[in-house]
C-alpha atoms as a PDB file:
ATOM      1  CA  MET A   1       4.618  -3.802  32.776  1.00  0.00           C
ATOM      2  CA  GLN A   2       2.403  -3.794  29.536  1.00  0.00           C
ATOM      3  CA  LYS A   3      -0.315  -6.091  28.570  1.00  0.00           C
ATOM      4  CA  LEU A   4      -0.599  -7.173  24.955  1.00  0.00           C
ATOM      5  CA  VAL A   5      -3.811  -9.078  23.894  1.00  0.00           C
ATOM      6  CA  LEU A   6      -3.708 -11.418  20.872  1.00  0.00           C
ATOM      7  CA  ILE A   7      -6.783 -13.072  19.367  1.00  0.00           C
ATOM      8  CA  ARG A   8      -6.892 -15.651  16.430  1.00  0.00           C
ATOM      9  CA  HIS A   9     -10.137 -14.923  14.461  1.00  0.00           C
ATOM     10  CA  GLY A  10     -13.433 -16.989  15.222  1.00  0.00           C
ATOM     11  CA  GLU A  11     -14.109 -20.188  13.273  1.00  0.00           C
ATOM     12  CA  SER A  12     -14.340 -19.615   9.618  1.00  0.00           C
ATOM     13  CA  VAL A  13     -16.461 -21.447   7.007  1.00  0.00           C
ATOM     14  CA  TRP A  14     -13.429 -23.179   5.645  1.00  0.00           C
ATOM     15  CA  ASN A  15     -12.190 -23.958   9.326  1.00  0.00           C
ATOM     16  CA  LYS A  16     -15.519 -25.886   9.873  1.00  0.00           C
ATOM     17  CA  GLU A  17     -15.008 -27.446   6.392  1.00  0.00           C
ATOM     18  CA  ASN A  18     -11.545 -28.451   7.334  1.00  0.00           C
ATOM     19  CA  ARG A  19      -9.926 -26.687   4.316  1.00  0.00           C
ATOM     20  CA  PHE A  20      -6.640 -24.834   3.992  1.00  0.00           C
ATOM     21  CA  THR A  21      -7.443 -21.279   3.943  1.00  0.00           C
ATOM     22  CA  GLY A  22      -4.334 -19.120   3.622  1.00  0.00           C
ATOM     23  CA  TRP A  23      -5.210 -15.797   1.848  1.00  0.00           C
ATOM     24  CA  ALA A  24      -8.651 -16.814   0.621  1.00  0.00           C
ATOM     25  CA  ASP A  25     -11.083 -14.355   1.978  1.00  0.00           C
ATOM     26  CA  VAL A  26     -13.666 -16.543   3.617  1.00  0.00           C
ATOM     27  CA  ASP A  27     -16.202 -15.456   6.191  1.00  0.00           C
ATOM     28  CA  LEU A  28     -16.770 -16.415   9.804  1.00  0.00           C
ATOM     29  CA  SER A  29     -19.209 -19.245  10.296  1.00  0.00           C
ATOM     30  CA  ASP A  30     -22.196 -18.744  12.637  1.00  0.00           C
ATOM     31  CA  GLU A  31     -20.092 -20.282  15.483  1.00  0.00           C
ATOM     32  CA  GLY A  32     -17.054 -18.211  14.605  1.00  0.00           C
ATOM     33  CA  LEU A  33     -19.164 -15.127  14.935  1.00  0.00           C
ATOM     34  CA  GLU A  34     -20.596 -16.078  18.413  1.00  0.00           C
ATOM     35  CA  GLN A  35     -17.034 -17.155  19.334  1.00  0.00           C
ATOM     36  CA  ALA A  36     -15.871 -13.591  18.667  1.00  0.00           C
ATOM     37  CA  ARG A  37     -18.686 -12.028  20.571  1.00  0.00           C
ATOM     38  CA  ARG A  38     -17.900 -14.562  23.543  1.00  0.00           C
ATOM     39  CA  ALA A  39     -14.234 -13.254  23.573  1.00  0.00           C
ATOM     40  CA  GLY A  40     -15.333  -9.731  23.522  1.00  0.00           C
ATOM     41  CA  ARG A  41     -17.675 -10.420  26.622  1.00  0.00           C
ATOM     42  CA  LEU A  42     -14.829 -12.248  28.364  1.00  0.00           C
ATOM     43  CA  LEU A  43     -12.485  -9.364  27.889  1.00  0.00           C
ATOM     44  CA  ALA A  44     -15.270  -7.088  29.247  1.00  0.00           C
ATOM     45  CA  LYS A  45     -15.772  -9.211  32.264  1.00  0.00           C
ATOM     46  CA  HIS A  46     -12.019  -9.027  33.147  1.00  0.00           C
ATOM     47  CA  GLY A  47     -12.242  -5.169  32.814  1.00  0.00           C
ATOM     48  CA  TYR A  48     -10.062  -4.899  29.594  1.00  0.00           C
ATOM     49  CA  THR A  49     -10.129  -1.622  27.560  1.00  0.00           C
ATOM     50  CA  PHE A  50      -8.139  -0.975  24.525  1.00  0.00           C
ATOM     51  CA  ASP A  51      -6.657   2.193  22.623  1.00  0.00           C
ATOM     52  CA  GLU A  52      -5.637   0.816  19.484  1.00  0.00           C
ATOM     53  CA  GLY A  53      -6.234  -2.536  17.358  1.00  0.00           C
ATOM     54  CA  PHE A  54      -4.411  -4.224  14.599  1.00  0.00           C
ATOM     55  CA  THR A  55      -5.860  -7.029  12.064  1.00  0.00           C
ATOM     56  CA  SER A  56      -5.035  -8.442   8.736  1.00  0.00           C
ATOM     57  CA  VAL A  57      -6.869  -7.334   5.509  1.00  0.00           C
ATOM     58  CA  LEU A  58      -8.953 -10.730   5.642  1.00  0.00           C
ATOM     59  CA  LYS A  59     -12.654 -10.384   6.760  1.00  0.00           C
ATOM     60  CA  ARG A  60     -12.520 -13.261   9.135  1.00  0.00           C
ATOM     61  CA  SER A  61      -9.943 -11.259  11.168  1.00  0.00           C
ATOM     62  CA  ILE A  62     -11.697  -7.860  10.478  1.00  0.00           C
ATOM     63  CA  LYS A  63     -14.957  -9.195  11.485  1.00  0.00           C
ATOM     64  CA  THR A  64     -13.735 -10.901  14.740  1.00  0.00           C
ATOM     65  CA  MET A  65     -12.091  -7.653  15.676  1.00  0.00           C
ATOM     66  CA  HIS A  66     -15.225  -5.690  15.021  1.00  0.00           C
ATOM     67  CA  PHE A  67     -17.601  -8.017  17.254  1.00  0.00           C
ATOM     68  CA  VAL A  68     -14.941  -8.176  20.068  1.00  0.00           C
ATOM     69  CA  LEU A  69     -14.986  -4.331  20.023  1.00  0.00           C
ATOM     70  CA  GLU A  70     -18.577  -4.182  19.813  1.00  0.00           C
ATOM     71  CA  GLU A  71     -19.060  -6.128  23.051  1.00  0.00           C
ATOM     72  CA  LEU A  72     -16.444  -3.849  24.655  1.00  0.00           C
ATOM     73  CA  GLU A  73     -18.324  -0.792  23.316  1.00  0.00           C
ATOM     74  CA  HIS A  74     -14.996   0.056  21.768  1.00  0.00           C
ATOM     75  CA  LEU A  75     -16.064   0.334  18.013  1.00  0.00           C
ATOM     76  CA  TRP A  76     -14.624   3.902  18.150  1.00  0.00           C
ATOM     77  CA  ILE A  77     -10.965   2.968  18.703  1.00  0.00           C
ATOM     78  CA  PRO A  78      -8.586   3.035  15.626  1.00  0.00           C
ATOM     79  CA  VAL A  79      -7.944  -0.383  13.983  1.00  0.00           C
ATOM     80  CA  HIS A  80      -5.114  -0.736  11.539  1.00  0.00           C
ATOM     81  CA  LYS A  81      -5.122  -3.381   8.803  1.00  0.00           C
ATOM     82  CA  SER A  82      -2.187  -4.792   7.066  1.00  0.00           C
ATOM     83  CA  TRP A  83      -1.511  -7.785   4.717  1.00  0.00           C
ATOM     84  CA  ARG A  84       1.710  -8.448   6.805  1.00  0.00           C
ATOM     85  CA  LEU A  85      -0.748 -10.014   9.643  1.00  0.00           C
ATOM     86  CA  ASN A  86      -2.484 -12.165   6.940  1.00  0.00           C
ATOM     87  CA  GLU A  87      -2.432 -15.895   7.379  1.00  0.00           C
ATOM     88  CA  ARG A  88       0.241 -17.930   6.002  1.00  0.00           C
ATOM     89  CA  PHE A  89      -0.143 -18.274   2.124  1.00  0.00           C
ATOM     90  CA  TYR A  90      -0.673 -21.948   1.530  1.00  0.00           C
ATOM     91  CA  GLY A  91      -0.013 -21.887  -2.157  1.00  0.00           C
ATOM     92  CA  ALA A  92      -1.614 -24.797  -4.080  1.00  0.00           C
ATOM     93  CA  LEU A  93      -3.033 -26.352  -0.861  1.00  0.00           C
ATOM     94  CA  GLN A  94      -5.315 -23.323  -0.370  1.00  0.00           C
ATOM     95  CA  GLY A  95      -9.081 -24.598  -0.667  1.00  0.00           C
ATOM     96  CA  LEU A  96      -8.357 -28.289  -0.359  1.00  0.00           C
ATOM     97  CA  ASN A  97      -9.839 -30.364   2.320  1.00  0.00           C
ATOM     98  CA  LYS A  98      -7.132 -31.374   4.785  1.00  0.00           C
ATOM     99  CA  ALA A  99      -8.101 -34.967   5.304  1.00  0.00           C
ATOM    100  CA  GLU A 100      -8.266 -35.532   1.607  1.00  0.00           C
ATOM    101  CA  THR A 101      -4.844 -33.827   1.241  1.00  0.00           C
ATOM    102  CA  VAL A 102      -3.471 -36.362   3.931  1.00  0.00           C
ATOM    103  CA  ALA A 103      -4.998 -39.198   1.975  1.00  0.00           C
ATOM    104  CA  GLN A 104      -3.268 -38.121  -1.174  1.00  0.00           C
ATOM    105  CA  TYR A 105       0.157 -37.084   0.038  1.00  0.00           C
ATOM    106  CA  GLY A 106       0.513 -38.937   3.430  1.00  0.00           C
ATOM    107  CA  GLU A 107       0.278 -37.519   6.978  1.00  0.00           C
ATOM    108  CA  GLU A 108       4.174 -37.049   7.396  1.00  0.00           C
ATOM    109  CA  GLN A 109       4.372 -34.680   4.294  1.00  0.00           C
ATOM    110  CA  VAL A 110       1.038 -32.744   5.088  1.00  0.00           C
ATOM    111  CA  HIS A 111       2.432 -32.214   8.824  1.00  0.00           C
ATOM    112  CA  LYS A 112       5.714 -30.772   7.353  1.00  0.00           C
ATOM    113  CA  TRP A 113       3.796 -28.460   5.116  1.00  0.00           C
ATOM    114  CA  ARG A 114       1.655 -27.207   7.961  1.00  0.00           C
ATOM    115  CA  ARG A 115       4.272 -27.033  10.708  1.00  0.00           C
ATOM    116  CA  ASP A 116       7.867 -27.139   9.508  1.00  0.00           C
ATOM    117  CA  PRO A 117       9.106 -23.489   9.657  1.00  0.00           C
ATOM    118  CA  HIS A 118      10.986 -23.993   6.307  1.00  0.00           C
ATOM    119  CA  GLU A 119       8.827 -26.370   4.409  1.00  0.00           C
ATOM    120  CA  HIS A 120       6.956 -24.862   1.290  1.00  0.00           C
ATOM    121  CA  PRO A 121       3.705 -26.126   0.285  1.00  0.00           C
ATOM    122  CA  PRO A 122       3.395 -26.555  -3.552  1.00  0.00           C
ATOM    123  CA  ALA A 123       3.384 -23.176  -5.324  1.00  0.00           C
ATOM    124  CA  ILE A 124       0.664 -21.701  -7.354  1.00  0.00           C
ATOM    125  CA  THR A 125       1.416 -19.847 -10.608  1.00  0.00           C
ATOM    126  CA  GLU A 126       0.641 -16.211 -11.496  1.00  0.00           C
ATOM    127  CA  GLN A 127      -2.289 -17.454 -13.677  1.00  0.00           C
ATOM    128  CA  ASP A 128      -3.901 -19.141 -10.817  1.00  0.00           C
ATOM    129  CA  ASP A 129      -7.243 -17.352  -9.730  1.00  0.00           C
ATOM    130  CA  ARG A 130      -5.695 -17.485  -6.025  1.00  0.00           C
ATOM    131  CA  PHE A 131      -2.683 -15.361  -6.865  1.00  0.00           C
ATOM    132  CA  PRO A 132      -2.845 -12.153  -4.775  1.00  0.00           C
ATOM    133  CA  GLY A 133      -1.782 -10.035  -7.666  1.00  0.00           C
ATOM    134  CA  HIS A 134      -5.349 -10.336  -9.060  1.00  0.00           C
ATOM    135  CA  TYR A 135      -6.907  -8.484  -6.114  1.00  0.00           C
ATOM    136  CA  LEU A 136      -7.242  -4.836  -5.616  1.00  0.00           C
ATOM    137  CA  ARG A 137      -6.507  -5.018  -1.869  1.00  0.00           C
ATOM    138  CA  TYR A 138      -2.897  -6.082  -2.860  1.00  0.00           C
ATOM    139  CA  SER A 139      -2.265  -3.530  -5.556  1.00  0.00           C
ATOM    140  CA  ASP A 140       0.270  -1.737  -3.383  1.00  0.00           C
ATOM    141  CA  LEU A 141       2.386  -4.883  -2.854  1.00  0.00           C
ATOM    142  CA  THR A 142       5.614  -5.282  -4.875  1.00  0.00           C
ATOM    143  CA  TYR A 143       6.200  -8.094  -7.171  1.00  0.00           C
ATOM    144  CA  ARG A 144       8.377  -9.717  -4.590  1.00  0.00           C
ATOM    145  CA  GLU A 145       5.880  -9.324  -1.767  1.00  0.00           C
ATOM    146  CA  LEU A 146       3.252 -11.287  -3.737  1.00  0.00           C
ATOM    147  CA  PRO A 147       3.685 -14.892  -2.802  1.00  0.00           C
ATOM    148  CA  LEU A 148       3.371 -18.097  -4.731  1.00  0.00           C
ATOM    149  CA  THR A 149       3.829 -20.160  -1.733  1.00  0.00           C
ATOM    150  CA  GLU A 150       5.056 -19.501   1.926  1.00  0.00           C
ATOM    151  CA  ASN A 151       6.617 -21.190   4.869  1.00  0.00           C
ATOM    152  CA  LEU A 152       6.277 -20.231   8.483  1.00  0.00           C
ATOM    153  CA  SER A 153       9.740 -18.511   8.514  1.00  0.00           C
ATOM    154  CA  GLU A 154       8.634 -16.325   5.482  1.00  0.00           C
ATOM    155  CA  THR A 155       5.391 -15.435   7.379  1.00  0.00           C
ATOM    156  CA  MET A 156       7.572 -14.289  10.157  1.00  0.00           C
ATOM    157  CA  THR A 157       9.824 -12.236   7.943  1.00  0.00           C
ATOM    158  CA  ARG A 158       6.853 -10.198   6.703  1.00  0.00           C
ATOM    159  CA  ALA A 159       4.958  -9.869   9.983  1.00  0.00           C
ATOM    160  CA  LEU A 160       7.905  -8.547  11.955  1.00  0.00           C
ATOM    161  CA  PRO A 161       8.459  -5.187  10.130  1.00  0.00           C
ATOM    162  CA  PHE A 162       4.897  -4.260  10.897  1.00  0.00           C
ATOM    163  CA  TRP A 163       5.459  -5.400  14.507  1.00  0.00           C
ATOM    164  CA  HIS A 164       8.537  -3.119  14.721  1.00  0.00           C
ATOM    165  CA  GLU A 165       7.304  -0.223  12.865  1.00  0.00           C
ATOM    166  CA  HIS A 166       3.590  -0.139  14.068  1.00  0.00           C
ATOM    167  CA  ILE A 167       2.735  -2.308  17.001  1.00  0.00           C
ATOM    168  CA  VAL A 168       5.839  -1.645  19.193  1.00  0.00           C
ATOM    169  CA  PRO A 169       5.630   2.093  18.893  1.00  0.00           C
ATOM    170  CA  ALA A 170       2.109   1.963  20.172  1.00  0.00           C
ATOM    171  CA  ILE A 171       3.010  -0.070  23.008  1.00  0.00           C
ATOM    172  CA  ARG A 172       5.828   2.040  23.916  1.00  0.00           C
ATOM    173  CA  GLU A 173       3.359   4.858  23.998  1.00  0.00           C
ATOM    174  CA  ASN A 174       1.682   3.079  26.913  1.00  0.00           C
ATOM    175  CA  LYS A 175      -1.529   2.300  24.511  1.00  0.00           C
ATOM    176  CA  LYS A 176      -3.502  -0.974  25.160  1.00  0.00           C
ATOM    177  CA  VAL A 177      -3.133  -2.909  22.127  1.00  0.00           C
ATOM    178  CA  ILE A 178      -5.328  -5.815  20.756  1.00  0.00           C
ATOM    179  CA  ILE A 179      -4.237  -8.006  17.794  1.00  0.00           C
ATOM    180  CA  CYS A 180      -6.660 -10.171  15.843  1.00  0.00           C
ATOM    181  CA  ALA A 181      -4.894 -12.145  13.141  1.00  0.00           C
ATOM    182  CA  HIS A 182      -4.454 -15.917  12.177  1.00  0.00           C
ATOM    183  CA  GLY A 183      -2.923 -19.009  13.603  1.00  0.00           C
ATOM    184  CA  ASN A 184       0.389 -18.710  11.660  1.00  0.00           C
ATOM    185  CA  SER A 185       0.884 -14.941  11.761  1.00  0.00           C
ATOM    186  CA  LEU A 186       0.465 -14.936  15.535  1.00  0.00           C
ATOM    187  CA  ARG A 187       2.604 -18.052  15.709  1.00  0.00           C
ATOM    188  CA  ALA A 188       5.211 -16.171  14.031  1.00  0.00           C
ATOM    189  CA  LEU A 189       4.852 -13.234  16.404  1.00  0.00           C
ATOM    190  CA  VAL A 190       4.788 -15.540  19.480  1.00  0.00           C
ATOM    191  CA  GLN A 191       8.070 -17.195  18.206  1.00  0.00           C
ATOM    192  CA  TYR A 192       9.598 -13.811  18.177  1.00  0.00           C
ATOM    193  CA  ILE A 193       8.351 -12.571  21.402  1.00  0.00           C
ATOM    194  CA  GLU A 194       9.301 -15.752  23.292  1.00  0.00           C
ATOM    195  CA  ASN A 195      12.414 -16.608  21.194  1.00  0.00           C
ATOM    196  CA  LEU A 196      11.044 -19.905  20.533  1.00  0.00           C
ATOM    197  CA  SER A 197      12.955 -22.451  18.522  1.00  0.00           C
ATOM    198  CA  ASP A 198      11.773 -24.001  15.293  1.00  0.00           C
ATOM    199  CA  GLU A 199      10.864 -27.319  16.941  1.00  0.00           C
ATOM    200  CA  GLU A 200       8.980 -25.341  19.874  1.00  0.00           C
ATOM    201  CA  VAL A 201       7.199 -23.402  17.502  1.00  0.00           C
ATOM    202  CA  THR A 202       5.802 -26.396  15.555  1.00  0.00           C
ATOM    203  CA  LYS A 203       4.016 -27.533  18.710  1.00  0.00           C
ATOM    204  CA  LEU A 204       2.306 -24.404  19.283  1.00  0.00           C
ATOM    205  CA  ASP A 205      -1.591 -24.509  18.783  1.00  0.00           C
ATOM    206  CA  ILE A 206      -3.420 -21.158  19.124  1.00  0.00           C
ATOM    207  CA  PRO A 207      -7.309 -21.968  19.719  1.00  0.00           C
ATOM    208  CA  THR A 208      -9.854 -19.653  17.732  1.00  0.00           C
ATOM    209  CA  ALA A 209     -11.170 -16.599  19.373  1.00  0.00           C
ATOM    210  CA  THR A 210      -9.590 -16.988  22.706  1.00  0.00           C
ATOM    211  CA  PRO A 211      -7.914 -14.001  24.234  1.00  0.00           C
ATOM    212  CA  TRP A 212      -4.245 -14.668  24.877  1.00  0.00           C
ATOM    213  CA  VAL A 213      -2.626 -12.046  27.303  1.00  0.00           C
ATOM    214  CA  TYR A 214       1.026 -11.377  27.237  1.00  0.00           C
ATOM    215  CA  GLU A 215       2.550  -9.253  30.160  1.00  0.00           C
ATOM    216  CA  LEU A 216       5.742  -7.672  28.782  1.00  0.00           C
ATOM    217  CA  ASP A 217       8.617  -5.738  30.507  1.00  0.00           C
ATOM    218  CA  ASP A 218      10.082  -2.429  29.469  1.00  0.00           C
ATOM    219  CA  ARG A 219      12.017  -4.222  26.883  1.00  0.00           C
ATOM    220  CA  LEU A 220       8.951  -5.921  25.606  1.00  0.00           C
ATOM    221  CA  ASN A 221      10.241  -9.249  26.808  1.00  0.00           C
ATOM    222  CA  SER A 222       7.604 -11.758  27.871  1.00  0.00           C
ATOM    223  CA  ILE A 223       7.167 -11.896  31.633  1.00  0.00           C
ATOM    224  CA  ARG A 224       4.326 -14.477  31.486  1.00  0.00           C
ATOM    225  CA  HIS A 225       1.375 -15.239  29.315  1.00  0.00           C
ATOM    226  CA  TYR A 226      -2.075 -16.938  29.732  1.00  0.00           C
ATOM    227  CA  TYR A 227      -5.511 -17.519  28.140  1.00  0.00           C
ATOM    228  CA  LEU A 228      -8.386 -15.555  29.731  1.00  0.00           C
ATOM    229  CA  GLU A 229     -11.168 -17.931  31.354  1.00  0.00           C
END
């Protein structure tokens, strides 16, 4: 039996402002920073140690991992960063206030954009400042990998290769693994691990900076999962 720990990043500045974030590289709020430290202290309290970590390339995820590992005195372990663990790309919604978006488009439509695995938010264009192709960190991505909008199924499609090629081998080497990512990239991994239906995954909420432990069998099927308290 192997344990895998998943953590959604702490509260970001845009979480606090109730804005769609996506790939915007916003920082942790003061509360988010403290949430990350509390998560680290909680893991330490329960005796967790880690050999390897994985995050997205967005600083709210990277910093959460840093503060968690600092509390564990584990800053020395290797941490691998990949755009494949980024939050879902919310297209033209990115940066908009969620309440104002509901007022403009209606609650039903916004709910579909947020939770329907096959619903695309409105797309941006390549000329938009939010287009990832403008940023150095994504210079290695192919044209087809640079999103203009993205649904949850597409988030899963780009996250799973990283799961199979990097995370699974680490687990199979009996390394203790921690993943710090985002609500939707973690939701995509959980849908795969638990073989959830589209309907089930739309109801899945992942709180910020709360260690979520998976116990996995030899085939990496879920035995059980729980939040640390």
